Amino acid sequence: MCLGVPGRIETIQGDGLLRVGKVTFGGAVKEAHLGYVPEAIVGDYVIVHAGFAISTVDEDEAARIFDYLRQIGELAELEEANPSA
């Protein structure tokens, strides 16, 4: 199954379609392309699918999505990358 996972933008580099950011997913930090969400700024939550941020969400919605993913067992990879989460 392919899922879009919410993450918090920590840093942003570049402009336009070449924007890239470091995004935190429950403690695991990964790089994501931000060109599709030009309105996103550091501190915003974005839904990331296949390395691309495809939309922004508020913090409450991100928390609800994480809870749902945890319930269905789809967070194992992220939790293994950060055992303290």
PDB file of N, CA and C in Angstrom:
ATOM      1  N   MET A   1       0.847  -1.169   0.000  1.00  0.00           N
ATOM      2  CA  MET A   1       0.000   0.000   0.000  1.00  0.00           C
ATOM      3  C   MET A   1       0.894   1.234   0.000  1.00  0.00           C
ATOM      4  N   CYS A   2       0.528   2.235  -0.777  1.00  0.00           N
ATOM      5  CA  CYS A   2       1.251   3.498  -0.810  1.00  0.00           C
ATOM      6  C   CYS A   2       0.494   4.511   0.035  1.00  0.00           C
ATOM      7  N   LEU A   3       1.208   5.147   0.952  1.00  0.00           N
ATOM      8  CA  LEU A   3       0.580   6.107   1.844  1.00  0.00           C
ATOM      9  C   LEU A   3       1.286   7.444   1.773  1.00  0.00           C
ATOM     10  N   GLY A   4       0.539   8.498   1.925  1.00  0.00           N
ATOM     11  CA  GLY A   4       1.113   9.815   2.164  1.00  0.00           C
ATOM     12  C   GLY A   4       1.213   9.982   3.665  1.00  0.00           C
ATOM     13  N   VAL A   5       2.373  10.352   4.159  1.00  0.00           N
ATOM     14  CA  VAL A   5       2.620  10.442   5.593  1.00  0.00           C
ATOM     15  C   VAL A   5       2.871  11.895   5.969  1.00  0.00           C
ATOM     16  N   PRO A   6       2.266  12.388   7.076  1.00  0.00           N
ATOM     17  CA  PRO A   6       2.502  13.763   7.481  1.00  0.00           C
ATOM     18  C   PRO A   6       3.864  13.925   8.141  1.00  0.00           C
ATOM     19  N   GLY A   7       4.475  15.053   7.874  1.00  0.00           N
ATOM     20  CA  GLY A   7       5.750  15.389   8.504  1.00  0.00           C
ATOM     21  C   GLY A   7       5.850  16.887   8.677  1.00  0.00           C
ATOM     22  N   ARG A   8       6.727  17.304   9.602  1.00  0.00           N
ATOM     23  CA  ARG A   8       6.921  18.730   9.898  1.00  0.00           C
ATOM     24  C   ARG A   8       8.181  19.210   9.200  1.00  0.00           C
ATOM     25  N   ILE A   9       8.079  20.310   8.463  1.00  0.00           N
ATOM     26  CA  ILE A   9       9.223  20.858   7.750  1.00  0.00           C
ATOM     27  C   ILE A   9      10.181  21.503   8.754  1.00  0.00           C
ATOM     28  N   GLU A  10      11.436  21.073   8.728  1.00  0.00           N
ATOM     29  CA  GLU A  10      12.464  21.608   9.623  1.00  0.00           C
ATOM     30  C   GLU A  10      13.338  22.647   8.920  1.00  0.00           C
ATOM     31  N   THR A  11      13.688  22.409   7.655  1.00  0.00           N
ATOM     32  CA  THR A  11      14.506  23.347   6.887  1.00  0.00           C
ATOM     33  C   THR A  11      14.043  23.331   5.439  1.00  0.00           C
ATOM     34  N   ILE A  12      14.331  24.421   4.722  1.00  0.00           N
ATOM     35  CA  ILE A  12      14.016  24.514   3.297  1.00  0.00           C
ATOM     36  C   ILE A  12      15.207  25.118   2.573  1.00  0.00           C
ATOM     37  N   GLN A  13      15.512  24.539   1.405  1.00  0.00           N
ATOM     38  CA  GLN A  13      16.559  25.072   0.532  1.00  0.00           C
ATOM     39  C   GLN A  13      16.024  25.126  -0.888  1.00  0.00           C
ATOM     40  N   GLY A  14      16.523  26.073  -1.682  1.00  0.00           N
ATOM     41  CA  GLY A  14      16.147  26.158  -3.085  1.00  0.00           C
ATOM     42  C   GLY A  14      14.890  26.971  -3.305  1.00  0.00           C
ATOM     43  N   ASP A  15      14.510  27.092  -4.580  1.00  0.00           N
ATOM     44  CA  ASP A  15      13.347  27.883  -4.987  1.00  0.00           C
ATOM     45  C   ASP A  15      12.498  27.120  -5.992  1.00  0.00           C
ATOM     46  N   GLY A  16      11.246  27.536  -6.107  1.00  0.00           N
ATOM     47  CA  GLY A  16      10.352  26.987  -7.121  1.00  0.00           C
ATOM     48  C   GLY A  16      10.233  25.477  -7.036  1.00  0.00           C
ATOM     49  N   LEU A  17      10.264  24.835  -8.193  1.00  0.00           N
ATOM     50  CA  LEU A  17      10.140  23.376  -8.234  1.00  0.00           C
ATOM     51  C   LEU A  17      11.359  22.673  -7.675  1.00  0.00           C
ATOM     52  N   LEU A  18      12.440  23.403  -7.419  1.00  0.00           N
ATOM     53  CA  LEU A  18      13.658  22.798  -6.880  1.00  0.00           C
ATOM     54  C   LEU A  18      13.752  22.919  -5.358  1.00  0.00           C
ATOM     55  N   ARG A  19      12.665  23.373  -4.715  1.00  0.00           N
ATOM     56  CA  ARG A  19      12.679  23.464  -3.243  1.00  0.00           C
ATOM     57  C   ARG A  19      12.737  22.076  -2.636  1.00  0.00           C
ATOM     58  N   VAL A  20      13.616  21.933  -1.659  1.00  0.00           N
ATOM     59  CA  VAL A  20      13.780  20.669  -0.941  1.00  0.00           C
ATOM     60  C   VAL A  20      13.849  20.998   0.541  1.00  0.00           C
ATOM     61  N   GLY A  21      13.281  20.134   1.359  1.00  0.00           N
ATOM     62  CA  GLY A  21      13.326  20.365   2.796  1.00  0.00           C
ATOM     63  C   GLY A  21      13.644  19.116   3.572  1.00  0.00           C
ATOM     64  N   LYS A  22      14.129  19.326   4.779  1.00  0.00           N
ATOM     65  CA  LYS A  22      14.264  18.243   5.746  1.00  0.00           C
ATOM     66  C   LYS A  22      12.947  18.191   6.503  1.00  0.00           C
ATOM     67  N   VAL A  23      12.325  17.015   6.525  1.00  0.00           N
ATOM     68  CA  VAL A  23      11.003  16.843   7.120  1.00  0.00           C
ATOM     69  C   VAL A  23      11.089  15.771   8.196  1.00  0.00           C
ATOM     70  N   THR A  24      10.525  16.066   9.376  1.00  0.00           N
ATOM     71  CA  THR A  24      10.520  15.125  10.496  1.00  0.00           C
ATOM     72  C   THR A  24       9.224  14.339  10.499  1.00  0.00           C
ATOM     73  N   PHE A  25       9.359  13.009  10.544  1.00  0.00           N
ATOM     74  CA  PHE A  25       8.209  12.094  10.606  1.00  0.00           C
ATOM     75  C   PHE A  25       8.294  11.339  11.921  1.00  0.00           C
ATOM     76  N   GLY A  26       7.657  11.840  12.946  1.00  0.00           N
ATOM     77  CA  GLY A  26       7.691  11.151  14.234  1.00  0.00           C
ATOM     78  C   GLY A  26       9.101  10.933  14.749  1.00  0.00           C
ATOM     79  N   GLY A  27      10.027  11.810  14.430  1.00  0.00           N
ATOM     80  CA  GLY A  27      11.406  11.699  14.893  1.00  0.00           C
ATOM     81  C   GLY A  27      12.388  11.336  13.804  1.00  0.00           C
ATOM     82  N   ALA A  28      11.967  10.590  12.805  1.00  0.00           N
ATOM     83  CA  ALA A  28      12.842  10.259  11.674  1.00  0.00           C
ATOM     84  C   ALA A  28      12.859  11.454  10.723  1.00  0.00           C
ATOM     85  N   VAL A  29      14.055  11.874  10.291  1.00  0.00           N
ATOM     86  CA  VAL A  29      14.180  13.020   9.400  1.00  0.00           C
ATOM     87  C   VAL A  29      14.557  12.532   8.011  1.00  0.00           C
ATOM     88  N   LYS A  30      13.791  12.991   7.021  1.00  0.00           N
ATOM     89  CA  LYS A  30      14.048  12.606   5.631  1.00  0.00           C
ATOM     90  C   LYS A  30      13.936  13.839   4.753  1.00  0.00           C
ATOM     91  N   GLU A  31      14.520  13.753   3.563  1.00  0.00           N
ATOM     92  CA  GLU A  31      14.432  14.842   2.607  1.00  0.00           C
ATOM     93  C   GLU A  31      13.171  14.672   1.766  1.00  0.00           C
ATOM     94  N   ALA A  32      12.503  15.803   1.481  1.00  0.00           N
ATOM     95  CA  ALA A  32      11.310  15.776   0.639  1.00  0.00           C
ATOM     96  C   ALA A  32      11.344  16.963  -0.315  1.00  0.00           C
ATOM     97  N   HIS A  33      10.865  16.754  -1.512  1.00  0.00           N
ATOM     98  CA  HIS A  33      10.753  17.814  -2.506  1.00  0.00           C
ATOM     99  C   HIS A  33       9.507  18.632  -2.179  1.00  0.00           C
ATOM    100  N   LEU A  34       9.648  19.966  -2.171  1.00  0.00           N
ATOM    101  CA  LEU A  34       8.563  20.852  -1.751  1.00  0.00           C
ATOM    102  C   LEU A  34       8.002  21.706  -2.888  1.00  0.00           C
ATOM    103  N   GLY A  35       8.391  21.428  -4.115  1.00  0.00           N
ATOM    104  CA  GLY A  35       7.958  22.228  -5.245  1.00  0.00           C
ATOM    105  C   GLY A  35       6.465  22.268  -5.467  1.00  0.00           C
ATOM    106  N   TYR A  36       5.742  21.226  -5.034  1.00  0.00           N
ATOM    107  CA  TYR A  36       4.293  21.176  -5.227  1.00  0.00           C
ATOM    108  C   TYR A  36       3.522  21.933  -4.150  1.00  0.00           C
ATOM    109  N   VAL A  37       4.221  22.378  -3.099  1.00  0.00           N
ATOM    110  CA  VAL A  37       3.580  23.127  -2.009  1.00  0.00           C
ATOM    111  C   VAL A  37       4.334  24.438  -1.789  1.00  0.00           C
ATOM    112  N   PRO A  38       4.259  25.357  -2.766  1.00  0.00           N
ATOM    113  CA  PRO A  38       5.032  26.595  -2.672  1.00  0.00           C
ATOM    114  C   PRO A  38       4.671  27.455  -1.467  1.00  0.00           C
ATOM    115  N   GLU A  39       3.480  27.252  -0.905  1.00  0.00           N
ATOM    116  CA  GLU A  39       3.048  28.027   0.251  1.00  0.00           C
ATOM    117  C   GLU A  39       3.645  27.524   1.569  1.00  0.00           C
ATOM    118  N   ALA A  40       4.210  26.327   1.578  1.00  0.00           N
ATOM    119  CA  ALA A  40       4.722  25.712   2.806  1.00  0.00           C
ATOM    120  C   ALA A  40       5.969  26.441   3.302  1.00  0.00           C
ATOM    121  N   ILE A  41       6.029  26.620   4.630  1.00  0.00           N
ATOM    122  CA  ILE A  41       7.173  27.254   5.263  1.00  0.00           C
ATOM    123  C   ILE A  41       7.677  26.348   6.393  1.00  0.00           C
ATOM    124  N   VAL A  42       8.851  26.667   6.930  1.00  0.00           N
ATOM    125  CA  VAL A  42       9.401  25.910   8.052  1.00  0.00           C
ATOM    126  C   VAL A  42       8.378  25.917   9.186  1.00  0.00           C
ATOM    127  N   GLY A  43       8.141  24.741   9.756  1.00  0.00           N
ATOM    128  CA  GLY A  43       7.162  24.583  10.825  1.00  0.00           C
ATOM    129  C   GLY A  43       5.826  24.044  10.363  1.00  0.00           C
ATOM    130  N   ASP A  44       5.541  24.138   9.067  1.00  0.00           N
ATOM    131  CA  ASP A  44       4.291  23.595   8.526  1.00  0.00           C
ATOM    132  C   ASP A  44       4.358  22.069   8.457  1.00  0.00           C
ATOM    133  N   TYR A  45       3.185  21.451   8.460  1.00  0.00           N
ATOM    134  CA  TYR A  45       3.061  20.013   8.253  1.00  0.00           C
ATOM    135  C   TYR A  45       2.643  19.766   6.814  1.00  0.00           C
ATOM    136  N   VAL A  46       3.269  18.778   6.195  1.00  0.00           N
ATOM    137  CA  VAL A  46       2.961  18.420   4.817  1.00  0.00           C
ATOM    138  C   VAL A  46       2.729  16.917   4.722  1.00  0.00           C
ATOM    139  N   ILE A  47       1.923  16.525   3.747  1.00  0.00           N
ATOM    140  CA  ILE A  47       1.740  15.106   3.436  1.00  0.00           C
ATOM    141  C   ILE A  47       2.777  14.757   2.377  1.00  0.00           C
ATOM    142  N   VAL A  48       3.619  13.756   2.665  1.00  0.00           N
ATOM    143  CA  VAL A  48       4.685  13.362   1.755  1.00  0.00           C
ATOM    144  C   VAL A  48       4.382  11.977   1.200  1.00  0.00           C
ATOM    145  N   HIS A  49       4.454  11.874  -0.119  1.00  0.00           N
ATOM    146  CA  HIS A  49       4.259  10.600  -0.816  1.00  0.00           C
ATOM    147  C   HIS A  49       5.399  10.434  -1.807  1.00  0.00           C
ATOM    148  N   ALA A  50       6.111   9.333  -1.710  1.00  0.00           N
ATOM    149  CA  ALA A  50       7.207   9.001  -2.625  1.00  0.00           C
ATOM    150  C   ALA A  50       8.241  10.118  -2.711  1.00  0.00           C
ATOM    151  N   GLY A  51       8.503  10.774  -1.573  1.00  0.00           N
ATOM    152  CA  GLY A  51       9.534  11.800  -1.519  1.00  0.00           C
ATOM    153  C   GLY A  51       9.089  13.187  -1.930  1.00  0.00           C
ATOM    154  N   PHE A  52       7.805  13.363  -2.241  1.00  0.00           N
ATOM    155  CA  PHE A  52       7.273  14.662  -2.657  1.00  0.00           C
ATOM    156  C   PHE A  52       6.175  15.101  -1.696  1.00  0.00           C
ATOM    157  N   ALA A  53       6.269  16.326  -1.193  1.00  0.00           N
ATOM    158  CA  ALA A  53       5.181  16.898  -0.403  1.00  0.00           C
ATOM    159  C   ALA A  53       4.058  17.240  -1.376  1.00  0.00           C
ATOM    160  N   ILE A  54       2.861  16.720  -1.103  1.00  0.00           N
ATOM    161  CA  ILE A  54       1.758  16.906  -2.049  1.00  0.00           C
ATOM    162  C   ILE A  54       0.667  17.823  -1.518  1.00  0.00           C
ATOM    163  N   SER A  55       0.674  18.111  -0.212  1.00  0.00           N
ATOM    164  CA  SER A  55      -0.289  19.053   0.348  1.00  0.00           C
ATOM    165  C   SER A  55       0.157  19.446   1.752  1.00  0.00           C
ATOM    166  N   THR A  56      -0.431  20.528   2.252  1.00  0.00           N
ATOM    167  CA  THR A  56      -0.177  20.930   3.631  1.00  0.00           C
ATOM    168  C   THR A  56      -1.377  20.525   4.484  1.00  0.00           C
ATOM    169  N   VAL A  57      -1.119  20.286   5.766  1.00  0.00           N
ATOM    170  CA  VAL A  57      -2.180  19.989   6.731  1.00  0.00           C
ATOM    171  C   VAL A  57      -1.843  20.708   8.027  1.00  0.00           C
ATOM    172  N   ASP A  58      -2.865  20.937   8.868  1.00  0.00           N
ATOM    173  CA  ASP A  58      -2.562  21.560  10.148  1.00  0.00           C
ATOM    174  C   ASP A  58      -2.061  20.497  11.137  1.00  0.00           C
ATOM    175  N   GLU A  59      -1.535  20.963  12.243  1.00  0.00           N
ATOM    176  CA  GLU A  59      -0.920  20.057  13.216  1.00  0.00           C
ATOM    177  C   GLU A  59      -1.910  19.028  13.765  1.00  0.00           C
ATOM    178  N   ASP A  60      -3.153  19.444  14.017  1.00  0.00           N
ATOM    179  CA  ASP A  60      -4.164  18.513  14.539  1.00  0.00           C
ATOM    180  C   ASP A  60      -4.453  17.390  13.540  1.00  0.00           C
ATOM    181  N   GLU A  61      -4.581  17.761  12.257  1.00  0.00           N
ATOM    182  CA  GLU A  61      -4.832  16.749  11.229  1.00  0.00           C
ATOM    183  C   GLU A  61      -3.653  15.788  11.114  1.00  0.00           C
ATOM    184  N   ALA A  62      -2.421  16.323  11.194  1.00  0.00           N
ATOM    185  CA  ALA A  62      -1.230  15.466  11.143  1.00  0.00           C
ATOM    186  C   ALA A  62      -1.245  14.468  12.295  1.00  0.00           C
ATOM    187  N   ALA A  63      -1.613  14.926  13.492  1.00  0.00           N
ATOM    188  CA  ALA A  63      -1.674  14.031  14.657  1.00  0.00           C
ATOM    189  C   ALA A  63      -2.716  12.942  14.457  1.00  0.00           C
ATOM    190  N   ARG A  64      -3.890  13.311  13.907  1.00  0.00           N
ATOM    191  CA  ARG A  64      -4.936  12.308  13.653  1.00  0.00           C
ATOM    192  C   ARG A  64      -4.457  11.263  12.642  1.00  0.00           C
ATOM    193  N   ILE A  65      -3.769  11.706  11.605  1.00  0.00           N
ATOM    194  CA  ILE A  65      -3.260  10.771  10.597  1.00  0.00           C
ATOM    195  C   ILE A  65      -2.239   9.826  11.222  1.00  0.00           C
ATOM    196  N   PHE A  66      -1.301  10.365  12.043  1.00  0.00           N
ATOM    197  CA  PHE A  66      -0.317   9.509  12.706  1.00  0.00           C
ATOM    198  C   PHE A  66      -1.003   8.482  13.599  1.00  0.00           C
ATOM    199  N   ASP A  67      -2.026   8.897  14.348  1.00  0.00           N
ATOM    200  CA  ASP A  67      -2.759   7.950  15.206  1.00  0.00           C
ATOM    201  C   ASP A  67      -3.388   6.838  14.378  1.00  0.00           C
ATOM    202  N   TYR A  68      -4.014   7.208  13.266  1.00  0.00           N
ATOM    203  CA  TYR A  68      -4.635   6.206  12.402  1.00  0.00           C
ATOM    204  C   TYR A  68      -3.585   5.251  11.832  1.00  0.00           C
ATOM    205  N   LEU A  69      -2.472   5.783  11.332  1.00  0.00           N
ATOM    206  CA  LEU A  69      -1.422   4.928  10.777  1.00  0.00           C
ATOM    207  C   LEU A  69      -0.849   3.992  11.836  1.00  0.00           C
ATOM    208  N   ARG A  70      -0.726   4.474  13.050  1.00  0.00           N
ATOM    209  CA  ARG A  70      -0.228   3.629  14.150  1.00  0.00           C
ATOM    210  C   ARG A  70      -1.227   2.493  14.418  1.00  0.00           C
ATOM    211  N   GLN A  71      -2.526   2.813  14.402  1.00  0.00           N
ATOM    212  CA  GLN A  71      -3.553   1.801  14.657  1.00  0.00           C
ATOM    213  C   GLN A  71      -3.544   0.694  13.610  1.00  0.00           C
ATOM    214  N   ILE A  72      -3.275   1.048  12.358  1.00  0.00           N
ATOM    215  CA  ILE A  72      -3.297   0.022  11.315  1.00  0.00           C
ATOM    216  C   ILE A  72      -1.917  -0.585  11.073  1.00  0.00           C
ATOM    217  N   GLY A  73      -0.936  -0.207  11.902  1.00  0.00           N
ATOM    218  CA  GLY A  73       0.378  -0.834  11.825  1.00  0.00           C
ATOM    219  C   GLY A  73       1.243  -0.375  10.674  1.00  0.00           C
ATOM    220  N   GLU A  74       1.026   0.832  10.170  1.00  0.00           N
ATOM    221  CA  GLU A  74       1.787   1.319   9.023  1.00  0.00           C
ATOM    222  C   GLU A  74       2.942   2.241   9.404  1.00  0.00           C
ATOM    223  N   LEU A  75       3.248   2.379  10.706  1.00  0.00           N
ATOM    224  CA  LEU A  75       4.341   3.250  11.127  1.00  0.00           C
ATOM    225  C   LEU A  75       5.586   2.487  11.536  1.00  0.00           C
ATOM    226  N   ALA A  76       5.616   1.203  11.327  1.00  0.00           N
ATOM    227  CA  ALA A  76       6.741   0.384  11.788  1.00  0.00           C
ATOM    228  C   ALA A  76       8.080   0.885  11.265  1.00  0.00           C
ATOM    229  N   GLU A  77       8.154   1.226   9.975  1.00  0.00           N
ATOM    230  CA  GLU A  77       9.422   1.678   9.395  1.00  0.00           C
ATOM    231  C   GLU A  77       9.918   2.957  10.066  1.00  0.00           C
ATOM    232  N   LEU A  78       9.031   3.917  10.303  1.00  0.00           N
ATOM    233  CA  LEU A  78       9.439   5.150  10.938  1.00  0.00           C
ATOM    234  C   LEU A  78       9.791   4.933  12.407  1.00  0.00           C
ATOM    235  N   GLU A  79       9.030   4.100  13.098  1.00  0.00           N
ATOM    236  CA  GLU A  79       9.319   3.852  14.499  1.00  0.00           C
ATOM    237  C   GLU A  79      10.597   3.054  14.677  1.00  0.00           C
ATOM    238  N   GLU A  80      10.934   2.177  13.723  1.00  0.00           N
ATOM    239  CA  GLU A  80      12.200   1.449  13.793  1.00  0.00           C
ATOM    240  C   GLU A  80      13.373   2.391  13.564  1.00  0.00           C
ATOM    241  N   ALA A  81      13.193   3.413  12.726  1.00  0.00           N
ATOM    242  CA  ALA A  81      14.242   4.380  12.462  1.00  0.00           C
ATOM    243  C   ALA A  81      14.489   5.270  13.678  1.00  0.00           C
ATOM    244  N   ASN A  82      13.489   5.410  14.559  1.00  0.00           N
ATOM    245  CA  ASN A  82      13.598   6.243  15.752  1.00  0.00           C
ATOM    246  C   ASN A  82      12.922   5.517  16.906  1.00  0.00           C
ATOM    247  N   PRO A  83      13.619   4.586  17.572  1.00  0.00           N
ATOM    248  CA  PRO A  83      12.998   3.750  18.594  1.00  0.00           C
ATOM    249  C   PRO A  83      12.434   4.519  19.791  1.00  0.00           C
ATOM    250  N   SER A  84      12.847   5.764  20.017  1.00  0.00           N
ATOM    251  CA  SER A  84      12.344   6.498  21.164  1.00  0.00           C
ATOM    252  C   SER A  84      11.014   7.165  20.890  1.00  0.00           C
ATOM    253  N   ALA A  85      10.520   7.139  19.646  1.00  0.00           N
ATOM    254  CA  ALA A  85       9.242   7.805  19.299  1.00  0.00           C
ATOM    255  C   ALA A  85       8.069   7.062  19.873  1.00  0.00           C
TER     256      ALA A  85
END
